Protein backbone atom coordinates (compact mmCIF):
# COMPACT_ATOMS: atom_id res chain seq x y z
CA UNK A 1 0.00 0.00 0.00
CA UNK A 2 2.77 2.40 0.99
CA UNK A 3 4.75 1.53 -2.14
CA UNK A 4 1.75 2.24 -4.38
CA UNK A 5 1.15 5.57 -2.64
CA UNK A 6 4.81 6.53 -3.03
CA UNK A 7 4.67 5.56 -6.72
CA UNK A 8 1.62 7.78 -7.30
CA UNK A 9 3.17 10.70 -5.40
CA UNK A 10 6.46 10.27 -7.27
CA UNK A 11 4.64 10.21 -10.60
CA UNK A 12 2.71 13.36 -9.68
CA UNK A 13 5.91 15.16 -8.67
CA UNK A 14 7.57 14.07 -11.92
CA UNK A 15 4.61 15.37 -13.93
CA UNK A 16 4.73 18.76 -12.17
CA UNK A 17 8.45 19.13 -12.87
CA UNK A 18 8.00 18.12 -16.52
CA UNK A 19 5.17 20.62 -17.03
CA UNK A 20 7.30 23.40 -15.54
CA UNK A 21 10.11 22.43 -17.89
CA UNK A 22 7.69 22.37 -20.85
CA UNK A 23 6.56 25.90 -20.01
CA UNK A 24 10.17 26.98 -19.70
CA UNK A 25 11.11 25.74 -23.16
CA UNK A 26 7.70 26.78 -24.57
CA UNK A 27 6.41 23.42 -25.78
CA UNK A 28 2.78 22.40 -25.27
CA UNK A 29 2.84 20.14 -22.24
CA UNK A 30 0.89 17.16 -23.77
CA UNK A 31 3.60 16.80 -26.45
CA UNK A 32 6.44 17.17 -23.96
CA UNK A 33 4.91 14.73 -21.47
CA UNK A 34 4.48 12.01 -24.10
CA UNK A 35 8.10 12.47 -25.23
CA UNK A 36 9.32 12.51 -21.62
CA UNK A 37 7.29 9.42 -20.73
CA UNK A 38 8.69 7.64 -23.77
CA UNK A 39 12.25 8.62 -22.84
CA UNK A 40 11.83 7.53 -19.22
CA UNK A 41 10.34 4.18 -20.27
CA UNK A 42 13.49 3.40 -22.27
CA UNK A 43 15.82 3.86 -19.26
CA UNK A 44 17.13 0.44 -18.12
CA UNK A 45 15.66 -0.66 -14.81
CA UNK A 46 12.50 1.44 -15.02
CA UNK A 47 9.56 -0.88 -14.21
CA UNK A 48 7.21 -1.69 -17.10
CA UNK A 49 3.88 0.06 -16.60
CA UNK A 50 0.63 -1.77 -17.38
CA UNK A 51 -2.22 0.70 -17.78
CA UNK A 52 -5.71 -0.60 -17.01
CA UNK A 53 -8.12 0.88 -19.59
CA UNK A 54 -10.85 1.01 -16.95
CA UNK A 55 -8.76 3.64 -15.15
CA UNK A 56 -8.95 5.86 -18.23
CA UNK A 57 -12.62 5.26 -18.96
CA UNK A 58 -13.96 5.36 -15.40
CA UNK A 59 -11.59 7.77 -13.63
CA UNK A 60 -10.15 10.13 -16.23
CA UNK A 61 -12.64 10.35 -19.09
CA UNK A 62 -15.86 11.55 -17.32
CA UNK A 63 -14.39 14.68 -15.66
CA UNK A 64 -12.32 15.56 -18.75
CA UNK A 65 -15.43 15.45 -20.95
CA UNK A 66 -17.59 17.23 -18.36
CA UNK A 67 -15.11 20.08 -17.98
CA UNK A 68 -14.88 20.46 -21.76
CA UNK A 69 -18.69 20.60 -22.01
CA UNK A 70 -18.91 23.04 -19.10
CA UNK A 71 -16.60 25.58 -20.72
CA UNK A 72 -18.09 25.17 -24.21
CA UNK A 73 -20.18 28.14 -25.27
CA UNK A 74 -23.66 26.83 -26.13
CA UNK A 75 -24.18 29.79 -28.46
CA UNK A 76 -20.96 29.00 -30.36
CA UNK A 77 -21.75 25.29 -30.35
CA UNK A 78 -25.18 25.92 -31.90
CA UNK A 79 -23.88 28.54 -34.32
CA UNK A 80 -21.26 26.17 -35.74
CA UNK A 81 -23.38 23.02 -35.42
CA UNK A 82 -23.07 22.15 -39.12
CA UNK A 83 -19.25 21.93 -39.33
CA UNK A 84 -19.11 20.41 -35.84
CA UNK A 85 -21.56 17.65 -36.82
CA UNK A 86 -19.82 16.97 -40.13
CA UNK A 87 -16.49 16.61 -38.32
CA UNK A 88 -17.74 14.71 -35.28
CA UNK A 89 -19.89 12.24 -37.22
CA UNK A 90 -19.08 12.44 -40.92
CA UNK A 91 -15.29 12.57 -40.53
CA UNK A 92 -15.24 9.85 -37.87
CA UNK A 93 -17.20 7.47 -40.12
CA UNK A 94 -15.16 8.37 -43.22
CA UNK A 95 -11.86 7.90 -41.36
CA UNK A 96 -13.06 4.56 -39.98
CA UNK A 97 -14.09 3.45 -43.47
CA UNK A 98 -10.81 4.42 -45.17
CA UNK A 99 -8.68 2.96 -42.37
CA UNK A 100 -10.73 -0.26 -42.46
CA UNK A 101 -10.24 -0.96 -46.16
CA UNK A 102 -6.63 0.23 -46.21
CA UNK A 103 -5.59 -1.91 -43.25
CA UNK A 104 -7.37 -4.94 -44.74
CA UNK A 105 -5.31 -4.58 -47.94
CA UNK A 106 -2.10 -3.58 -46.15
CA UNK A 107 -1.80 -6.07 -43.27
CA UNK A 108 -1.80 -9.82 -43.96
CA UNK A 109 -4.65 -11.59 -42.16
CA UNK A 110 -6.39 -8.34 -41.20
CA UNK A 111 -10.16 -8.67 -41.71
CA UNK A 112 -12.55 -5.83 -42.56
CA UNK A 113 -14.12 -6.06 -39.09
CA UNK A 114 -10.67 -5.60 -37.52
CA UNK A 115 -10.14 -2.68 -39.89
CA UNK A 116 -13.29 -0.95 -38.65
CA UNK A 117 -12.18 -1.70 -35.09
CA UNK A 118 -8.87 0.08 -35.75
CA UNK A 119 -10.67 2.90 -37.59
CA UNK A 120 -13.00 3.52 -34.66
CA UNK A 121 -9.99 3.67 -32.33
CA UNK A 122 -7.85 6.17 -34.27
CA UNK A 123 -10.60 8.39 -35.71
CA UNK A 124 -11.27 10.85 -32.80
CA UNK A 125 -8.81 13.74 -32.28
CA UNK A 126 -7.90 14.76 -28.74
CA UNK A 127 -9.39 18.08 -27.64
CA UNK A 128 -6.92 18.73 -24.83
CA UNK A 129 -3.88 18.39 -27.08
CA UNK A 130 -5.29 20.72 -29.76
CA UNK A 131 -6.49 23.47 -27.42
CA UNK A 132 -3.27 23.32 -25.36
CA UNK A 133 -1.15 23.77 -28.48
CA UNK A 134 -3.40 26.61 -29.70
CA UNK A 135 -3.40 28.36 -26.32
CA UNK A 136 -1.66 31.71 -26.55
CA UNK A 137 -1.62 31.66 -30.36
CA UNK A 138 -3.61 34.19 -32.35
CA UNK A 139 -6.34 32.19 -34.05
CA UNK A 140 -9.99 33.09 -34.68
CA UNK A 141 -12.42 32.24 -31.90
CA UNK A 142 -14.57 30.26 -34.31
CA UNK A 143 -11.63 27.93 -34.99
CA UNK A 144 -11.37 27.15 -31.27
CA UNK A 145 -15.17 26.83 -30.99
CA UNK A 146 -15.36 24.30 -33.84
CA UNK A 147 -12.46 22.21 -32.48
CA UNK A 148 -13.92 22.16 -28.96
CA UNK A 149 -17.41 21.36 -30.26
CA UNK A 150 -16.07 18.55 -32.43
CA UNK A 151 -14.21 17.02 -29.50
CA UNK A 152 -17.38 16.82 -27.41
CA UNK A 153 -19.14 14.57 -29.91
CA UNK A 154 -16.46 12.63 -31.78
CA UNK A 155 -15.46 10.52 -28.78
CA UNK A 156 -19.02 9.20 -28.58
CA UNK A 157 -19.34 8.49 -32.31
CA UNK A 158 -15.95 6.75 -32.50
CA UNK A 159 -16.68 4.61 -29.43
CA UNK A 160 -19.96 3.50 -30.98
CA UNK A 161 -18.13 2.50 -34.20
CA UNK A 162 -15.65 0.61 -32.02
CA UNK A 163 -18.43 -1.14 -30.10
CA UNK A 164 -20.15 -2.43 -33.25
CA UNK A 165 -16.86 -3.48 -34.88
CA UNK A 166 -15.87 -5.34 -31.71
CA UNK A 167 -19.20 -7.17 -31.72
CA UNK A 168 -18.64 -8.12 -35.37
CA UNK A 169 -15.20 -9.55 -34.58
CA UNK A 170 -16.43 -11.44 -31.51
CA UNK A 171 -19.56 -12.92 -33.15
CA UNK A 172 -18.57 -12.99 -36.80
CA UNK A 173 -21.87 -11.32 -37.77
CA UNK A 174 -22.66 -7.72 -38.68
CA UNK A 175 -25.82 -6.01 -39.96
CA UNK A 176 -25.55 -2.41 -41.20
CA UNK A 177 -29.30 -1.86 -40.76
CA UNK A 178 -29.22 -3.11 -37.18
CA UNK A 179 -26.01 -1.21 -36.40
CA UNK A 180 -27.49 2.07 -37.68
CA UNK A 181 -30.56 1.69 -35.50
CA UNK A 182 -28.43 0.74 -32.51
CA UNK A 183 -26.20 3.76 -33.08
CA UNK A 184 -29.07 6.23 -32.78
CA UNK A 185 -30.52 4.32 -29.83
CA UNK A 186 -27.24 4.19 -27.90
CA UNK A 187 -26.37 7.85 -28.57
CA UNK A 188 -29.93 9.17 -28.12
CA UNK A 189 -30.57 7.35 -24.86
CA UNK A 190 -27.19 8.52 -23.60
CA UNK A 191 -28.34 12.11 -24.17
CA UNK A 192 -31.68 11.40 -22.43
CA UNK A 193 -29.98 9.92 -19.37
CA UNK A 194 -27.47 12.78 -19.28
CA UNK A 195 -30.12 15.50 -19.35
CA UNK A 196 -32.37 13.64 -16.88
CA UNK A 197 -29.48 13.19 -14.46
CA UNK A 198 -28.42 16.81 -14.89
CA UNK A 199 -31.96 17.92 -13.95
CA UNK A 200 -31.63 16.01 -10.67
CA UNK A 201 -28.30 17.67 -9.83
CA UNK A 202 -29.73 21.03 -10.91
CA UNK A 203 -32.54 20.59 -8.37
CA UNK A 204 -30.09 19.58 -5.62
CA UNK A 205 -27.91 22.65 -6.22
CA UNK A 206 -30.83 25.05 -6.47
CA UNK A 207 -33.30 23.89 -3.83
CA UNK A 208 -31.25 22.18 -1.11
CA UNK A 209 -29.17 24.12 1.48
CA UNK A 210 -25.75 23.51 -0.06
CA UNK A 211 -22.51 25.31 0.78
CA UNK A 212 -19.72 26.34 -1.64
CA UNK A 213 -17.73 23.25 -0.61
CA UNK A 214 -20.72 20.94 -1.14
CA UNK A 215 -21.45 22.53 -4.54
CA UNK A 216 -17.86 21.95 -5.65
CA UNK A 217 -17.94 18.33 -4.44
CA UNK A 218 -21.25 17.69 -6.22
CA UNK A 219 -19.87 18.99 -9.51
CA UNK A 220 -17.01 16.48 -9.25
CA UNK A 221 -19.47 13.64 -8.59
CA UNK A 222 -21.86 14.60 -11.41
CA UNK A 223 -19.88 13.33 -14.45
CA UNK A 224 -19.13 9.99 -12.80
CA UNK A 225 -22.77 9.36 -11.91
CA UNK A 226 -23.98 10.38 -15.39
CA UNK A 227 -21.36 8.17 -17.08
CA UNK A 228 -21.99 5.10 -14.91
CA UNK A 229 -25.78 5.46 -15.15
CA UNK A 230 -25.72 5.42 -18.96
CA UNK A 231 -23.14 2.62 -19.18
CA UNK A 232 -25.17 0.51 -16.73
CA UNK A 233 -27.98 0.37 -19.31
CA UNK A 234 -25.46 -0.14 -22.17
CA UNK A 235 -25.97 3.34 -23.60
CA UNK A 236 -23.35 6.00 -24.36
CA UNK A 237 -21.77 7.28 -21.16
CA UNK A 238 -19.83 9.83 -23.21
CA UNK A 239 -23.03 11.37 -24.62
CA UNK A 240 -24.57 11.37 -21.13
CA UNK A 241 -21.64 13.32 -19.68
CA UNK A 242 -21.46 15.78 -22.60
CA UNK A 243 -25.20 16.50 -22.68
CA UNK A 244 -25.36 16.78 -18.89
CA UNK A 245 -22.36 19.10 -18.85
CA UNK A 246 -23.85 21.37 -21.51
CA UNK A 247 -27.15 21.53 -19.59
CA UNK A 248 -25.50 22.34 -16.26
CA UNK A 249 -23.28 24.95 -17.88
CA UNK A 250 -26.30 26.63 -19.47
CA UNK A 251 -28.10 26.75 -16.08
CA UNK A 252 -25.02 27.59 -13.98
CA UNK A 253 -26.09 31.21 -13.38
CA UNK A 254 -29.29 29.95 -11.71
CA UNK A 255 -27.65 27.57 -9.24
CA UNK A 256 -24.21 29.01 -8.43
CA UNK A 257 -25.18 32.45 -7.22
CA UNK A 258 -22.27 33.44 -4.98
CA UNK A 259 -18.77 34.47 -5.96
CA UNK A 260 -17.32 32.15 -3.31
CA UNK A 261 -18.99 29.14 -4.91
CA UNK A 262 -17.74 29.97 -8.39
CA UNK A 263 -14.19 30.73 -7.23
CA UNK A 264 -14.15 27.48 -5.20
CA UNK A 265 -15.31 25.47 -8.20
CA UNK A 266 -12.80 27.12 -10.52
CA UNK A 267 -9.92 26.25 -8.20
CA UNK A 268 -11.07 22.66 -7.70
CA UNK A 269 -11.68 21.98 -11.39
CA UNK A 270 -8.56 23.72 -12.70
CA UNK A 271 -6.40 21.60 -10.38
CA UNK A 272 -8.29 18.36 -11.05
CA UNK A 273 -8.25 18.69 -14.84
CA UNK A 274 -4.60 19.75 -14.96
CA UNK A 275 -3.48 16.77 -12.88
CA UNK A 276 -5.59 14.30 -14.88
CA UNK A 277 -4.49 15.61 -18.28
CA UNK A 278 -0.83 15.68 -17.30
CA UNK A 279 -0.91 12.17 -15.82
CA UNK A 280 -2.65 10.69 -18.85
CA UNK A 281 -0.16 12.09 -21.36
CA UNK A 282 2.91 10.95 -19.44
CA UNK A 283 1.30 7.52 -18.96
CA UNK A 284 0.88 7.24 -22.75
CA UNK A 285 4.66 7.54 -23.11
CA UNK A 286 5.41 5.18 -20.22
CA UNK A 287 3.15 2.50 -21.72
CA UNK A 288 5.37 1.94 -24.79
CA UNK A 289 7.60 -0.94 -23.53
CA UNK A 290 4.58 -3.04 -22.58
CA UNK A 291 3.02 -2.38 -26.01
CA UNK A 292 6.24 -3.37 -27.84
CA UNK A 293 6.60 -6.53 -25.74
CA UNK A 294 3.11 -7.54 -26.81
CA UNK A 295 3.79 -7.33 -30.56
CA UNK A 296 4.81 -10.98 -30.67
CA UNK A 297 4.34 -12.33 -34.18
CA UNK A 298 4.86 -8.96 -35.92
CA UNK A 299 8.33 -7.40 -36.06
CA UNK A 300 8.88 -3.94 -34.61
CA UNK A 301 9.79 -2.47 -38.03
CA UNK A 302 6.64 -3.90 -39.61
CA UNK A 303 4.54 -2.45 -36.80
CA UNK A 304 6.16 0.97 -37.24
CA UNK A 305 5.56 0.80 -41.02
CA UNK A 306 1.87 -0.01 -40.56
CA UNK A 307 1.54 2.71 -37.92
CA UNK A 308 3.13 5.37 -40.12
CA UNK A 309 0.88 4.50 -43.07
CA UNK A 310 -2.28 4.64 -40.92
CA UNK A 311 -1.03 7.94 -39.43
CA UNK A 312 -0.64 9.39 -42.92
CA UNK A 313 -4.15 8.23 -43.82
CA UNK A 314 -5.86 9.86 -40.82
CA UNK A 315 -3.99 13.14 -41.48
CA UNK A 316 -4.76 13.21 -45.22
CA UNK A 317 -8.43 12.18 -44.83
CA UNK A 318 -9.01 14.99 -42.33
CA UNK A 319 -7.39 17.59 -44.60
CA UNK A 320 -9.38 16.39 -47.63
CA UNK A 321 -12.66 16.36 -45.68
CA UNK A 322 -12.31 19.76 -44.02
CA UNK A 323 -12.43 21.94 -47.15
CA UNK A 324 -15.78 20.63 -48.48
CA UNK A 325 -17.17 20.89 -44.93
CA UNK A 326 -16.07 24.54 -44.78
CA UNK A 327 -17.25 25.66 -48.22
CA UNK A 328 -20.06 23.44 -49.56
CA UNK A 329 -22.73 24.65 -47.05
CA UNK A 330 -22.24 28.20 -48.40
CA UNK A 331 -23.37 27.00 -51.85
CA UNK A 332 -26.69 25.66 -50.55
CA UNK A 333 -27.56 27.95 -47.62
CA UNK A 334 -28.13 31.69 -47.77
CA UNK A 335 -27.76 31.85 -43.99
CA UNK A 336 -24.31 30.23 -44.21
CA UNK A 337 -23.26 32.81 -46.81
CA UNK A 338 -23.92 35.61 -44.30
CA UNK A 339 -21.05 34.35 -42.14
CA UNK A 340 -17.50 35.40 -43.05
CA UNK A 341 -15.90 33.11 -45.62
CA UNK A 342 -13.60 30.54 -43.98
CA UNK A 343 -11.09 30.97 -46.82
CA UNK A 344 -8.29 28.40 -46.92
CA UNK A 345 -6.44 29.28 -43.72
CA UNK A 346 -9.10 28.43 -41.12
CA UNK A 347 -9.81 24.97 -42.59
CA UNK A 348 -6.07 24.29 -42.76
CA UNK A 349 -5.64 25.04 -39.04
CA UNK A 350 -8.66 22.91 -38.09
CA UNK A 351 -7.50 20.13 -40.39
CA UNK A 352 -3.97 20.11 -38.98
CA UNK A 353 -5.19 20.18 -35.36
CA UNK A 354 -6.22 16.51 -35.47
CA UNK A 355 -3.89 15.16 -32.80
CA UNK A 356 -4.93 11.81 -31.28
CA UNK A 357 -4.62 11.08 -27.57
CA UNK A 358 -6.28 9.71 -24.46
CA UNK A 359 -9.48 8.17 -25.83
CA UNK A 360 -7.72 6.34 -28.67
CA UNK A 361 -5.22 4.64 -26.35
CA UNK A 362 -7.83 3.71 -23.73
CA UNK A 363 -10.13 2.29 -26.41
CA UNK A 364 -7.34 0.17 -27.91
CA UNK A 365 -6.34 -1.18 -24.49
CA UNK A 366 -9.97 -2.13 -23.78
CA UNK A 367 -9.94 -4.78 -26.54
CA UNK A 368 -10.46 -8.12 -24.74
CA UNK A 369 -7.57 -10.55 -24.63
CA UNK A 370 -9.76 -13.59 -25.36
CA UNK A 371 -12.65 -14.23 -27.76
CA UNK A 372 -15.96 -15.83 -26.72
CA UNK A 373 -14.53 -19.11 -28.02
CA UNK A 374 -11.57 -18.78 -25.60
CA UNK A 375 -9.24 -18.20 -28.56
CA UNK A 376 -6.87 -15.23 -28.47
CA UNK A 377 -8.26 -12.01 -29.90
CA UNK A 378 -6.72 -11.65 -33.39
CA UNK A 379 -4.14 -8.90 -33.97
CA UNK A 380 -4.83 -7.27 -30.57
CA UNK A 381 -1.22 -6.34 -29.84
CA UNK A 382 -0.65 -5.00 -33.36
CA UNK A 383 -3.78 -2.81 -33.15
CA UNK A 384 -2.58 -1.36 -29.84
CA UNK A 385 0.89 -0.68 -31.27
CA UNK A 386 -0.50 1.00 -34.42
CA UNK A 387 -2.70 3.15 -32.17
CA UNK A 388 0.35 4.25 -30.18
CA UNK A 389 2.24 5.15 -33.37
CA UNK A 390 -0.74 7.20 -34.63
CA UNK A 391 -0.96 9.03 -31.29
CA UNK A 392 2.78 9.68 -31.26
CA UNK A 393 3.00 10.87 -34.89
CA UNK A 394 -0.06 13.13 -34.81
CA UNK A 395 0.64 14.53 -31.36
CA UNK A 396 4.35 15.23 -31.83
CA UNK A 397 4.60 15.95 -35.57
CA UNK A 398 1.36 17.89 -35.98
CA UNK A 399 1.52 19.41 -32.51
CA UNK A 400 5.02 20.81 -32.97
CA UNK A 401 4.35 22.10 -36.51
CA UNK A 402 0.90 23.63 -35.83
CA UNK A 403 2.29 26.87 -34.29
CA UNK A 404 4.62 27.23 -37.28
CA UNK A 405 1.72 26.81 -39.73
CA UNK A 406 -0.30 29.43 -37.86
CA UNK A 407 2.67 31.80 -38.00
CA UNK A 408 3.28 31.20 -41.73
CA UNK A 409 -0.39 31.63 -42.69
CA UNK A 410 -0.63 34.84 -40.61
CA UNK A 411 -4.19 33.94 -39.78
CA UNK A 412 -4.64 36.41 -36.90
CA UNK A 413 -7.56 36.81 -34.53
CA UNK A 414 -10.10 37.92 -37.13
CA UNK A 415 -13.70 37.32 -36.09
CA UNK A 416 -17.14 38.68 -36.83
CA UNK A 417 -17.47 39.70 -33.19
CA UNK A 418 -15.74 42.52 -31.32
CA UNK A 419 -12.23 41.98 -29.92
CA UNK A 420 -12.06 40.68 -26.36
CA UNK A 421 -11.05 43.97 -24.73
CA UNK A 422 -13.92 45.85 -26.43
CA UNK A 423 -16.41 43.20 -25.34
CA UNK A 424 -15.17 43.46 -21.75
CA UNK A 425 -15.56 47.24 -21.82
CA UNK A 426 -19.11 46.90 -23.15
CA UNK A 427 -20.03 44.27 -20.55
CA UNK A 428 -18.65 46.29 -17.64
CA UNK A 429 -20.35 49.47 -18.86
CA UNK A 430 -23.76 47.74 -18.92
CA UNK A 431 -23.21 46.26 -15.47
CA UNK A 432 -22.11 49.61 -14.03
CA UNK A 433 -25.10 51.41 -15.57
CA UNK A 434 -27.42 48.79 -14.09
CA UNK A 435 -25.84 49.33 -10.65
CA UNK A 436 -26.20 53.14 -10.89
CA UNK A 437 -29.84 52.74 -11.96
CA UNK A 438 -30.47 50.46 -8.97
CA UNK A 439 -28.94 53.01 -6.59
CA UNK A 440 -30.99 55.86 -8.09
CA UNK A 441 -34.30 53.98 -8.08
CA UNK A 442 -34.22 52.11 -4.77
CA UNK A 443 -31.47 53.58 -2.60
CA UNK A 444 -31.46 57.29 -3.46
CA UNK A 445 -32.05 58.46 0.14
CA UNK A 446 -29.42 56.05 1.46
CA UNK A 447 -26.87 57.32 -1.07
CA UNK A 448 -27.48 60.93 0.02
CA UNK A 449 -26.95 60.04 3.70
CA UNK A 450 -24.20 57.41 3.42
CA UNK A 451 -20.70 58.44 2.36
CA UNK A 452 -19.75 54.88 1.41
CA UNK A 453 -22.70 54.52 -0.96
CA UNK A 454 -22.10 58.01 -2.35
CA UNK A 455 -18.47 57.13 -3.11
CA UNK A 456 -19.61 53.86 -4.69
CA UNK A 457 -21.95 55.70 -7.04
CA UNK A 458 -19.22 58.15 -8.03
CA UNK A 459 -16.80 55.29 -8.69
CA UNK A 460 -19.38 53.54 -10.88
CA UNK A 461 -20.05 56.73 -12.84
CA UNK A 462 -16.32 57.24 -13.36
CA UNK A 463 -15.99 53.65 -14.60
CA UNK A 464 -18.81 54.23 -17.10
CA UNK A 465 -17.02 57.28 -18.48
CA UNK A 466 -13.77 55.32 -18.80
CA UNK A 467 -15.51 52.51 -20.68
CA UNK A 468 -17.29 55.00 -22.96
CA UNK A 469 -13.99 56.68 -23.78
CA UNK A 470 -12.43 53.30 -24.46
CA UNK A 471 -15.20 52.24 -26.85
CA UNK A 472 -15.40 55.57 -28.66
CA UNK A 473 -11.65 55.90 -29.08
CA UNK A 474 -10.62 56.44 -32.71
CA UNK A 475 -7.10 55.08 -32.14
CA UNK A 476 -6.00 51.96 -33.87
CA UNK A 477 -6.95 48.64 -32.27
CA UNK A 478 -3.27 47.78 -31.84
CA UNK A 479 -2.69 50.91 -29.74
CA UNK A 480 -5.66 50.08 -27.52
CA UNK A 481 -4.37 46.56 -27.03
CA UNK A 482 -0.92 47.88 -26.14
CA UNK A 483 -2.48 50.28 -23.61
CA UNK A 484 -4.48 47.43 -22.09
CA UNK A 485 -1.40 45.19 -21.89
CA UNK A 486 0.57 47.96 -20.18
CA UNK A 487 -2.31 48.59 -17.76
CA UNK A 488 -2.45 44.88 -16.87
CA UNK A 489 1.33 44.77 -16.35
CA UNK A 490 1.29 47.79 -14.02
CA UNK A 491 -1.68 46.49 -12.02
CA UNK A 492 -0.09 43.05 -11.55
CA UNK A 493 3.11 44.76 -10.39
CA UNK A 494 1.08 46.76 -7.87
CA UNK A 495 -0.70 43.63 -6.62
CA UNK A 496 2.66 41.89 -6.12
CA UNK A 497 3.92 44.87 -4.10
CA UNK A 498 0.75 44.89 -1.99
CA UNK A 499 1.12 41.17 -1.25
CA UNK A 500 4.67 41.76 -0.02
CA UNK A 501 3.34 44.50 2.25
CA UNK A 502 0.69 42.15 3.65
CA UNK A 503 3.40 39.59 4.40
CA UNK A 504 5.37 42.32 6.16
CA UNK A 505 2.28 43.23 8.24
CA UNK A 506 1.88 39.58 9.18
CA UNK A 507 5.44 39.45 10.55
CA UNK A 508 4.94 42.72 12.43
CA UNK A 509 1.82 41.24 14.13
CA UNK A 510 0.05 44.60 14.08
CA UNK A 511 -3.10 43.07 12.56
CA UNK A 512 -4.81 39.72 13.06
CA UNK A 513 -4.15 36.89 10.61
CA UNK A 514 -7.87 36.69 9.80
CA UNK A 515 -7.99 40.32 8.65
CA UNK A 516 -4.82 39.90 6.59
CA UNK A 517 -6.37 36.83 4.89
CA UNK A 518 -9.45 38.91 4.04
CA UNK A 519 -7.22 41.54 2.46
CA UNK A 520 -5.39 38.81 0.51
CA UNK A 521 -8.72 37.46 -0.74
CA UNK A 522 -9.69 40.92 -1.94
CA UNK A 523 -6.36 41.21 -3.77
CA UNK A 524 -7.05 37.82 -5.38
CA UNK A 525 -10.44 39.03 -6.60
CA UNK A 526 -8.92 42.22 -7.99
CA UNK A 527 -6.28 40.19 -9.82
CA UNK A 528 -8.95 37.88 -11.26
CA UNK A 529 -10.67 40.94 -12.73
CA UNK A 530 -7.43 41.72 -14.57
CA UNK A 531 -6.29 38.25 -15.63
CA UNK A 532 -9.62 36.46 -15.96
CA UNK A 533 -10.19 32.75 -15.33
CA UNK A 534 -7.30 31.19 -17.25
CA UNK A 535 -6.65 27.49 -17.46
CA UNK A 536 -3.18 26.07 -17.46
């Protein structure tokens, strides 16, 4: 027990150090962690790691999907529903089809059912890898919205393809008509269970006397309960978690009404998701020796050759599919033509951001060792090895070259909506005006007799003038952004100085620790107003 605990703690410490190093050398941490895990696994004497796929599916996958759904904008998701659907369903099925027939022709003894099994495994891109690589790069918001929306659905569609292909291999029978009906049943009932379960948690949060700590704990429990409930009835746990997460996110303003609750939840979820993501990517690298040892009848060079060919196929199919998806709807829909043209740069970025990751490896590892007839499952070890090669090639090659492609295409943050700093100014101005109106209508006498309220009203009116000046400025956008960046830098410098002063006060023991903590909390809130809620 103690040895297992020490192993987990050591792995966590290693992951933290590797992430800090990745930030230092400015490489997206999923890529660096996979490379580091691979390098560590090749060191003589390092124990071979066997990763239980149930750990990925039951422990890691539900919260990762739920968090992605929570932070997905429903408005953006609905606005870009056509390209999201064509990528999450159409591209998954096309990739599975092409991989199935190619692998059947390429690999001796590989049946079409095994081909669809492999296709279902390698078809879904990894959302975390793509968004982590894109973080900090200047790309249009719609590009991020489409990638995040795709990632919510494609895991479910690929797992359903995998499930039917696995059944075909195990039983030797397959009916397209029956599989199509089962697909809609499994996905649809997953959505029903997800929304029904989310309604129950919504009622608990809203009508029972919860505390910020209880609310945060309940949000961690929610994805697991939704996932297990759907899987218990043999429906899609992924669709249950995604639909439940979208519902809870849409209703969040009704149930999480205090700042303390929201700040608590942000801290809990940021830490949880960071640790899970980091652990999963380093575990992918550490898993390699066990995968190679399992190759058996196929040589390592043959396995690498097959993996590289399948990697090329999934990359090319995505690039070929993305351009019709981007442009054909504009030919048939007047509404689609009102949106800015995607051109060739946006589809290229979306097409190149197809890195594979967590779900693909976990799905491959979940292939049973034995058939129903007690015979060994055919080609299991080769399928797992090909999956690893596809993950490695797409994650490292595409992940490292994606920033370069963005730089060369000079895509920029061009969107149909206002820039972020202008939106923030508009939002704050409306909120401040609402506050002033409230003071004038309901607290006018109190304002006249209370210096604190009078000063508050003056501060709000000054803020409104500042926001108006900001929005009406005729200076170039670049100048405004530079001013905002300088303002943020100065304010963060001031906050750092104030924190040092609070620490000095604590040593002097002139004020109680409780009051100093309150002042620190206020500083934290002020800093959040400047930096926003940023994920790692």
